Structure formats: structure tokens, C-alpha cells
């Protein structure tokens, strides 16, 4: 499961579809509707919110909006009501780690997207997140990345 801190605009088609499915799975986990993935580290930042369900719904709404911009046909009925939610803090180190990871994926999977974004130094975060100084988040499972 990867719930990207990055704005979904940077994801290629397979990445955006995967994010939609994984965020729906995350919502099911947060609702207690499934027994799998309950301890997944990606969910920690949502669980620390005052309302994890509102936060994941806000997250999904942005993913859905990006899909609409691309004329994808994600199922609107899967979205729950979106209510205001306080932004979630995420570190700049986390954002940059994910950016490196995504660029590595795009290099092999979607070279035109890689070429379009490879020189971007600081990508935008998903609007649910507010970026603060700091290292990679403690919950992240860090993998070696090609430089």
C-alpha cells in the first residue's frame, strides 16, 4: 500500500489507478471493515488525526478530482461525504523520499513522465498535507533508491 504524500497529478495512469484502489482499501481498514493491513505504516498518519475517516475521505476526494481532470471514470459512488479536516503535517524529507521513489518508478514504467518531471526539485504535496522541515517520517519503510 502506498498512500502518496505527493500530489496525484504526478502519477502516471497505472499509479493513479493503484492509488485510488489503495486509498479505498485504506478507508476500509480505517472503518474496521477488513482485517488485513491494520498495522500498515502508511495508515499511522491518518490514525493520528482527530478524525481518520474524514482525513481519508478528503484524501480520496483529491485523487478522484485528479482522475476527473484526466477523464478517467472512477466510481463516484465510492466517495463518502467530504467534510473539512485539518491538514496533516508531513516532513519535507518524506516528500522528497517519495519523489525519488516515484521518479525511479517512472524512469522504467513511463519514460515520458519521467522526462517531464525529472528536473523538478520540490514537487507539490497532496493538498491534505502541509509540509514542514524534517527527515523521512519514522513510519516509512525506507528502501534504497538509485541515484
N, C-alpha and C. Protein backbone atom coordinates (compact mmCIF):
# COMPACT_ATOMS: atom_id res chain seq x y z
N UNK A 1 0.85 -1.18 0.00
CA UNK A 1 0.00 0.00 0.00
C UNK A 1 0.89 1.23 0.00
N UNK A 2 0.61 2.17 -0.90
CA UNK A 2 1.33 3.43 -0.93
C UNK A 2 0.30 4.54 -1.03
N UNK A 3 0.15 5.29 0.03
CA UNK A 3 -0.70 6.48 0.02
C UNK A 3 0.24 7.67 -0.12
N UNK A 4 0.44 8.07 -1.34
CA UNK A 4 1.45 9.08 -1.66
C UNK A 4 1.19 10.40 -0.94
N UNK A 5 2.26 10.98 -0.46
CA UNK A 5 2.24 12.34 0.08
C UNK A 5 2.23 13.32 -1.09
N UNK A 6 2.76 12.90 -2.20
CA UNK A 6 2.82 13.72 -3.41
C UNK A 6 1.42 14.02 -3.96
N UNK A 7 1.31 15.13 -4.64
CA UNK A 7 0.05 15.43 -5.33
C UNK A 7 -0.17 14.36 -6.40
N UNK A 8 -1.38 13.85 -6.54
CA UNK A 8 -1.62 12.78 -7.52
C UNK A 8 -1.41 13.21 -8.98
N UNK A 9 -1.25 14.49 -9.25
CA UNK A 9 -1.01 14.93 -10.63
C UNK A 9 0.26 14.34 -11.22
N UNK A 10 1.22 13.95 -10.37
CA UNK A 10 2.48 13.42 -10.85
C UNK A 10 2.43 11.94 -11.21
N UNK A 11 1.37 11.26 -10.82
CA UNK A 11 1.28 9.82 -11.06
C UNK A 11 0.91 9.53 -12.51
N UNK A 12 1.51 8.51 -13.04
CA UNK A 12 1.14 8.06 -14.38
C UNK A 12 -0.16 7.26 -14.27
N UNK A 13 -0.77 6.87 -15.38
CA UNK A 13 -2.06 6.17 -15.30
C UNK A 13 -2.07 4.97 -14.37
N UNK A 14 -1.10 4.03 -14.45
CA UNK A 14 -1.16 2.90 -13.51
C UNK A 14 -1.00 3.35 -12.06
N UNK A 15 -0.21 4.38 -11.83
CA UNK A 15 -0.01 4.88 -10.48
C UNK A 15 -1.27 5.50 -9.90
N UNK A 16 -2.00 6.25 -10.71
CA UNK A 16 -3.22 6.88 -10.22
C UNK A 16 -4.30 5.84 -9.94
N UNK A 17 -4.43 4.86 -10.81
CA UNK A 17 -5.41 3.80 -10.59
C UNK A 17 -5.06 3.02 -9.32
N UNK A 18 -3.78 2.71 -9.14
CA UNK A 18 -3.35 1.99 -7.95
C UNK A 18 -3.62 2.81 -6.69
N UNK A 19 -3.37 4.11 -6.75
CA UNK A 19 -3.61 4.97 -5.60
C UNK A 19 -5.10 4.97 -5.23
N UNK A 20 -5.96 5.05 -6.20
CA UNK A 20 -7.40 5.02 -5.94
C UNK A 20 -7.79 3.74 -5.21
N UNK A 21 -7.33 2.62 -5.73
CA UNK A 21 -7.66 1.32 -5.11
C UNK A 21 -7.08 1.20 -3.71
N UNK A 22 -5.84 1.64 -3.55
CA UNK A 22 -5.18 1.52 -2.25
C UNK A 22 -5.79 2.46 -1.22
N UNK A 23 -6.20 3.64 -1.65
CA UNK A 23 -6.85 4.57 -0.72
C UNK A 23 -8.23 4.05 -0.31
N UNK A 24 -8.94 3.40 -1.24
CA UNK A 24 -10.21 2.77 -0.87
C UNK A 24 -9.99 1.63 0.13
N UNK A 25 -8.93 0.87 -0.08
CA UNK A 25 -8.59 -0.19 0.88
C UNK A 25 -8.24 0.43 2.24
N UNK A 26 -7.47 1.50 2.22
CA UNK A 26 -7.10 2.17 3.48
C UNK A 26 -8.34 2.65 4.22
N UNK A 27 -9.30 3.18 3.48
CA UNK A 27 -10.54 3.63 4.12
C UNK A 27 -11.27 2.45 4.76
N UNK A 28 -11.32 1.33 4.06
CA UNK A 28 -11.97 0.13 4.63
C UNK A 28 -11.25 -0.30 5.91
N UNK A 29 -9.94 -0.23 5.92
CA UNK A 29 -9.18 -0.59 7.11
C UNK A 29 -9.53 0.37 8.25
N UNK A 30 -9.53 1.67 7.96
CA UNK A 30 -9.82 2.67 8.99
C UNK A 30 -11.26 2.56 9.50
N UNK A 31 -12.15 2.05 8.68
CA UNK A 31 -13.54 1.84 9.10
C UNK A 31 -13.72 0.52 9.86
N UNK A 32 -12.68 -0.29 9.90
CA UNK A 32 -12.79 -1.59 10.55
C UNK A 32 -13.51 -2.62 9.71
N UNK A 33 -13.53 -2.44 8.40
CA UNK A 33 -14.27 -3.33 7.51
C UNK A 33 -13.43 -4.48 6.96
N UNK A 34 -12.16 -4.52 7.30
CA UNK A 34 -11.29 -5.58 6.83
C UNK A 34 -10.25 -5.89 7.89
N UNK A 35 -9.79 -7.10 7.90
CA UNK A 35 -8.80 -7.47 8.92
C UNK A 35 -7.37 -7.30 8.42
N UNK A 36 -7.18 -7.22 7.12
CA UNK A 36 -5.84 -7.05 6.57
C UNK A 36 -5.37 -5.60 6.67
N UNK A 37 -4.08 -5.42 6.64
CA UNK A 37 -3.42 -4.11 6.58
C UNK A 37 -3.65 -3.23 7.81
N UNK A 38 -4.19 -3.77 8.88
CA UNK A 38 -4.48 -2.94 10.05
C UNK A 38 -3.26 -2.27 10.64
N UNK A 39 -2.11 -2.90 10.51
CA UNK A 39 -0.88 -2.36 11.09
C UNK A 39 0.02 -1.70 10.06
N UNK A 40 -0.50 -1.43 8.89
CA UNK A 40 0.33 -0.87 7.83
C UNK A 40 0.84 0.51 8.22
N UNK A 41 2.14 0.76 8.06
CA UNK A 41 2.71 2.04 8.50
C UNK A 41 2.12 3.25 7.78
N UNK A 42 1.66 3.09 6.55
CA UNK A 42 1.08 4.21 5.81
C UNK A 42 -0.15 4.78 6.51
N UNK A 43 -0.81 3.98 7.33
CA UNK A 43 -2.04 4.42 7.98
C UNK A 43 -1.79 5.22 9.26
N UNK A 44 -0.57 5.21 9.76
CA UNK A 44 -0.28 5.89 11.03
C UNK A 44 -0.64 7.36 11.00
N UNK A 45 -0.29 8.04 9.91
CA UNK A 45 -0.57 9.48 9.87
C UNK A 45 -2.07 9.77 9.83
N UNK A 46 -2.85 8.85 9.30
CA UNK A 46 -4.30 9.05 9.31
C UNK A 46 -4.87 8.76 10.69
N UNK A 47 -4.33 7.76 11.33
CA UNK A 47 -4.83 7.39 12.66
C UNK A 47 -4.53 8.45 13.71
N UNK A 48 -3.54 9.29 13.49
CA UNK A 48 -3.22 10.33 14.47
C UNK A 48 -4.12 11.55 14.32
N UNK A 49 -4.92 11.59 13.29
CA UNK A 49 -5.84 12.71 13.07
C UNK A 49 -7.00 12.65 14.06
N UNK A 50 -7.63 13.79 14.26
CA UNK A 50 -8.82 13.82 15.11
C UNK A 50 -9.90 12.92 14.52
N UNK A 51 -10.01 12.92 13.19
CA UNK A 51 -10.97 12.04 12.52
C UNK A 51 -10.28 11.38 11.34
N UNK A 52 -9.83 10.14 11.52
CA UNK A 52 -9.13 9.43 10.45
C UNK A 52 -10.05 9.20 9.25
N UNK A 53 -11.32 9.00 9.52
CA UNK A 53 -12.27 8.75 8.41
C UNK A 53 -12.46 10.01 7.56
N UNK A 54 -12.58 11.15 8.20
CA UNK A 54 -12.69 12.39 7.43
C UNK A 54 -11.42 12.64 6.62
N UNK A 55 -10.28 12.35 7.24
CA UNK A 55 -9.00 12.58 6.56
C UNK A 55 -8.86 11.69 5.33
N UNK A 56 -9.18 10.42 5.44
CA UNK A 56 -9.05 9.53 4.28
C UNK A 56 -10.08 9.88 3.22
N UNK A 57 -11.25 10.35 3.61
CA UNK A 57 -12.24 10.80 2.61
C UNK A 57 -11.74 12.03 1.87
N UNK A 58 -11.11 12.95 2.58
CA UNK A 58 -10.54 14.14 1.93
C UNK A 58 -9.42 13.73 0.98
N UNK A 59 -8.62 12.77 1.40
CA UNK A 59 -7.54 12.26 0.56
C UNK A 59 -8.12 11.67 -0.73
N UNK A 60 -9.12 10.83 -0.59
CA UNK A 60 -9.75 10.19 -1.75
C UNK A 60 -10.39 11.22 -2.69
N UNK A 61 -10.97 12.25 -2.14
CA UNK A 61 -11.63 13.28 -2.97
C UNK A 61 -10.64 13.93 -3.93
N UNK A 62 -9.43 14.15 -3.48
CA UNK A 62 -8.41 14.77 -4.36
C UNK A 62 -7.98 13.78 -5.44
N UNK A 63 -7.85 12.52 -5.07
CA UNK A 63 -7.50 11.50 -6.07
C UNK A 63 -8.61 11.41 -7.12
N UNK A 64 -9.85 11.43 -6.66
CA UNK A 64 -10.98 11.39 -7.58
C UNK A 64 -10.98 12.62 -8.51
N UNK A 65 -10.71 13.79 -7.94
CA UNK A 65 -10.67 15.02 -8.75
C UNK A 65 -9.59 14.95 -9.82
N UNK A 66 -8.44 14.40 -9.47
CA UNK A 66 -7.37 14.25 -10.47
C UNK A 66 -7.81 13.29 -11.57
N UNK A 67 -8.48 12.22 -11.21
CA UNK A 67 -8.97 11.28 -12.20
C UNK A 67 -9.98 11.95 -13.14
N UNK A 68 -10.84 12.76 -12.57
CA UNK A 68 -11.82 13.50 -13.40
C UNK A 68 -11.12 14.43 -14.38
N UNK A 69 -10.07 15.11 -13.91
CA UNK A 69 -9.31 16.01 -14.79
C UNK A 69 -8.73 15.26 -15.99
N UNK A 70 -8.45 14.00 -15.80
CA UNK A 70 -7.87 13.17 -16.87
C UNK A 70 -8.94 12.40 -17.64
N UNK A 71 -10.20 12.66 -17.33
CA UNK A 71 -11.31 11.96 -17.96
C UNK A 71 -11.33 10.46 -17.67
N UNK A 72 -10.83 10.08 -16.51
CA UNK A 72 -10.95 8.70 -16.06
C UNK A 72 -12.34 8.53 -15.47
N UNK A 73 -12.80 7.32 -15.42
CA UNK A 73 -14.14 7.06 -14.93
C UNK A 73 -14.11 6.25 -13.63
N UNK A 74 -13.60 6.88 -12.58
CA UNK A 74 -13.63 6.26 -11.26
C UNK A 74 -15.05 6.34 -10.74
N UNK A 75 -15.43 5.39 -9.94
CA UNK A 75 -16.79 5.29 -9.44
C UNK A 75 -17.05 6.34 -8.35
N UNK A 76 -17.80 7.36 -8.68
CA UNK A 76 -18.11 8.45 -7.76
C UNK A 76 -18.86 7.96 -6.52
N UNK A 77 -19.61 6.89 -6.67
CA UNK A 77 -20.40 6.40 -5.53
C UNK A 77 -19.50 5.81 -4.43
N UNK A 78 -18.25 5.57 -4.75
CA UNK A 78 -17.32 5.07 -3.73
C UNK A 78 -16.82 6.17 -2.80
N UNK A 79 -17.06 7.42 -3.17
CA UNK A 79 -16.65 8.53 -2.31
C UNK A 79 -17.67 8.74 -1.20
N UNK A 80 -17.18 8.94 -0.02
CA UNK A 80 -18.05 9.30 1.10
C UNK A 80 -18.15 10.82 1.15
N UNK A 81 -19.02 11.29 2.02
CA UNK A 81 -19.16 12.74 2.18
C UNK A 81 -17.83 13.31 2.66
N UNK A 82 -17.41 14.40 2.04
CA UNK A 82 -16.15 15.04 2.41
C UNK A 82 -16.47 16.24 3.30
N UNK A 83 -15.88 16.22 4.48
CA UNK A 83 -16.05 17.30 5.44
C UNK A 83 -14.70 17.96 5.67
N UNK A 84 -14.71 19.20 6.13
CA UNK A 84 -13.43 19.87 6.41
C UNK A 84 -12.60 19.07 7.40
N UNK A 85 -11.31 19.08 7.18
CA UNK A 85 -10.39 18.36 8.04
C UNK A 85 -9.09 19.18 8.14
N UNK A 86 -8.49 19.15 9.30
CA UNK A 86 -7.22 19.85 9.48
C UNK A 86 -6.14 19.17 8.65
N UNK A 87 -5.24 19.95 8.07
CA UNK A 87 -4.16 19.33 7.30
C UNK A 87 -3.27 18.47 8.20
N UNK A 88 -2.65 17.49 7.58
CA UNK A 88 -1.75 16.58 8.28
C UNK A 88 -0.32 17.04 7.98
N UNK A 89 0.47 17.19 9.01
CA UNK A 89 1.86 17.57 8.80
C UNK A 89 2.65 16.40 8.24
N UNK A 90 3.50 16.69 7.27
CA UNK A 90 4.41 15.71 6.71
C UNK A 90 5.74 16.42 6.49
N UNK A 91 6.81 15.70 6.67
CA UNK A 91 8.12 16.33 6.56
C UNK A 91 8.57 16.47 5.11
N UNK A 92 9.41 17.46 4.90
CA UNK A 92 9.99 17.65 3.57
C UNK A 92 10.82 16.44 3.17
N UNK A 93 11.49 15.84 4.15
CA UNK A 93 12.27 14.64 3.87
C UNK A 93 11.40 13.51 3.34
N UNK A 94 10.20 13.37 3.89
CA UNK A 94 9.27 12.35 3.42
C UNK A 94 8.83 12.63 2.00
N UNK A 95 8.49 13.88 1.74
CA UNK A 95 8.05 14.27 0.40
C UNK A 95 9.16 13.99 -0.62
N UNK A 96 10.38 14.36 -0.29
CA UNK A 96 11.49 14.16 -1.22
C UNK A 96 11.84 12.69 -1.40
N UNK A 97 11.71 11.91 -0.33
CA UNK A 97 11.94 10.47 -0.45
C UNK A 97 10.92 9.86 -1.42
N UNK A 98 9.68 10.20 -1.25
CA UNK A 98 8.64 9.68 -2.14
C UNK A 98 8.85 10.16 -3.57
N UNK A 99 9.31 11.39 -3.72
CA UNK A 99 9.55 11.93 -5.05
C UNK A 99 10.65 11.11 -5.75
N UNK A 100 11.72 10.82 -5.03
CA UNK A 100 12.79 9.99 -5.60
C UNK A 100 12.26 8.62 -5.99
N UNK A 101 11.43 8.06 -5.13
CA UNK A 101 10.87 6.75 -5.38
C UNK A 101 9.99 6.78 -6.64
N UNK A 102 9.13 7.79 -6.74
CA UNK A 102 8.25 7.88 -7.91
C UNK A 102 9.07 8.08 -9.18
N UNK A 103 10.07 8.95 -9.14
CA UNK A 103 10.89 9.15 -10.34
C UNK A 103 11.55 7.85 -10.79
N UNK A 104 12.00 7.05 -9.84
CA UNK A 104 12.60 5.77 -10.19
C UNK A 104 11.59 4.87 -10.86
N UNK A 105 10.36 4.85 -10.34
CA UNK A 105 9.30 4.04 -10.97
C UNK A 105 8.99 4.55 -12.38
N UNK A 106 8.88 5.87 -12.51
CA UNK A 106 8.55 6.45 -13.82
C UNK A 106 9.65 6.23 -14.84
N UNK A 107 10.88 6.23 -14.40
CA UNK A 107 12.01 6.03 -15.33
C UNK A 107 11.83 4.72 -16.09
N UNK A 108 11.39 3.68 -15.41
CA UNK A 108 11.22 2.40 -16.07
C UNK A 108 9.85 2.17 -16.67
N UNK A 109 8.84 2.71 -16.03
CA UNK A 109 7.46 2.40 -16.41
C UNK A 109 6.87 3.41 -17.39
N UNK A 110 7.30 4.66 -17.30
CA UNK A 110 6.70 5.70 -18.13
C UNK A 110 7.75 6.78 -18.43
N UNK A 111 8.69 6.48 -19.35
CA UNK A 111 9.77 7.43 -19.63
C UNK A 111 9.33 8.85 -19.99
N UNK A 112 8.22 9.05 -20.73
CA UNK A 112 7.81 10.43 -21.00
C UNK A 112 7.47 11.21 -19.71
N UNK A 113 6.80 10.55 -18.76
CA UNK A 113 6.51 11.22 -17.48
C UNK A 113 7.80 11.48 -16.73
N UNK A 114 8.70 10.54 -16.75
CA UNK A 114 9.99 10.73 -16.08
C UNK A 114 10.69 11.95 -16.67
N UNK A 115 10.74 12.05 -17.98
CA UNK A 115 11.41 13.20 -18.62
C UNK A 115 10.74 14.52 -18.25
N UNK A 116 9.44 14.50 -18.15
CA UNK A 116 8.69 15.71 -17.82
C UNK A 116 9.00 16.19 -16.39
N UNK A 117 9.20 15.26 -15.47
CA UNK A 117 9.32 15.64 -14.06
C UNK A 117 10.72 15.53 -13.47
N UNK A 118 11.67 14.95 -14.17
CA UNK A 118 12.95 14.61 -13.55
C UNK A 118 13.73 15.81 -13.03
N UNK A 119 13.51 16.98 -13.57
CA UNK A 119 14.26 18.16 -13.10
C UNK A 119 13.50 18.96 -12.04
N UNK A 120 12.31 18.54 -11.72
CA UNK A 120 11.54 19.21 -10.67
C UNK A 120 12.17 18.88 -9.32
N UNK A 121 12.55 19.92 -8.58
CA UNK A 121 13.27 19.71 -7.33
C UNK A 121 12.32 19.48 -6.15
N UNK A 122 11.29 20.29 -6.05
CA UNK A 122 10.37 20.16 -4.91
C UNK A 122 8.94 20.06 -5.45
N UNK A 123 8.41 18.85 -5.50
CA UNK A 123 7.04 18.67 -6.00
C UNK A 123 6.01 19.16 -5.00
N UNK A 124 4.81 19.35 -5.47
CA UNK A 124 3.70 19.72 -4.58
C UNK A 124 3.25 18.48 -3.82
N UNK A 125 2.78 18.74 -2.62
CA UNK A 125 2.21 17.67 -1.81
C UNK A 125 0.72 17.56 -2.11
N UNK A 126 0.16 16.42 -1.81
CA UNK A 126 -1.29 16.24 -1.83
C UNK A 126 -1.86 17.34 -0.93
N UNK A 127 -2.95 17.98 -1.32
CA UNK A 127 -3.48 19.11 -0.54
C UNK A 127 -3.88 18.80 0.90
N UNK A 128 -4.02 17.53 1.25
CA UNK A 128 -4.33 17.18 2.63
C UNK A 128 -3.14 17.42 3.55
N UNK A 129 -1.94 17.47 2.97
CA UNK A 129 -0.73 17.56 3.76
C UNK A 129 -0.14 18.97 3.76
N UNK A 130 0.46 19.32 4.88
CA UNK A 130 1.22 20.55 4.97
C UNK A 130 2.66 20.13 5.25
N UNK A 131 3.58 20.64 4.44
CA UNK A 131 4.97 20.22 4.52
C UNK A 131 5.71 21.07 5.54
N UNK A 132 6.42 20.37 6.43
CA UNK A 132 7.22 21.02 7.46
C UNK A 132 8.65 20.48 7.35
N UNK A 133 9.62 21.23 7.85
CA UNK A 133 11.00 20.73 7.81
C UNK A 133 11.13 19.43 8.59
N UNK A 134 12.02 18.59 8.13
CA UNK A 134 12.27 17.35 8.86
C UNK A 134 12.72 16.22 7.95
N UNK A 135 13.16 15.12 8.55
CA UNK A 135 13.65 13.97 7.79
C UNK A 135 12.50 13.09 7.31
N UNK A 136 12.86 11.97 6.73
CA UNK A 136 11.87 10.97 6.33
C UNK A 136 11.11 10.55 7.59
N UNK A 137 9.82 10.36 7.48
CA UNK A 137 8.98 10.00 8.63
C UNK A 137 9.41 8.66 9.22
N UNK A 138 9.27 8.54 10.51
CA UNK A 138 9.69 7.33 11.23
C UNK A 138 8.91 6.09 10.78
N UNK A 139 7.66 6.27 10.31
CA UNK A 139 6.86 5.12 9.92
C UNK A 139 7.23 4.58 8.54
N UNK A 140 7.98 5.34 7.77
CA UNK A 140 8.33 4.93 6.40
C UNK A 140 9.27 3.74 6.41
N UNK A 141 9.02 2.81 5.53
CA UNK A 141 9.94 1.69 5.31
C UNK A 141 10.89 2.11 4.18
N UNK A 142 12.05 2.54 4.55
CA UNK A 142 12.98 3.11 3.59
C UNK A 142 13.66 2.01 2.78
N UNK A 143 13.62 2.19 1.48
CA UNK A 143 14.27 1.28 0.53
C UNK A 143 15.35 2.06 -0.18
N UNK A 144 16.41 1.39 -0.55
CA UNK A 144 17.48 2.05 -1.31
C UNK A 144 16.96 2.51 -2.66
N UNK A 145 17.37 3.69 -3.05
CA UNK A 145 16.95 4.23 -4.34
C UNK A 145 18.17 4.46 -5.22
N UNK A 146 18.01 4.25 -6.51
CA UNK A 146 19.08 4.57 -7.44
C UNK A 146 19.25 6.08 -7.50
N UNK A 147 20.45 6.52 -7.61
CA UNK A 147 20.68 7.98 -7.68
C UNK A 147 20.87 8.43 -9.08
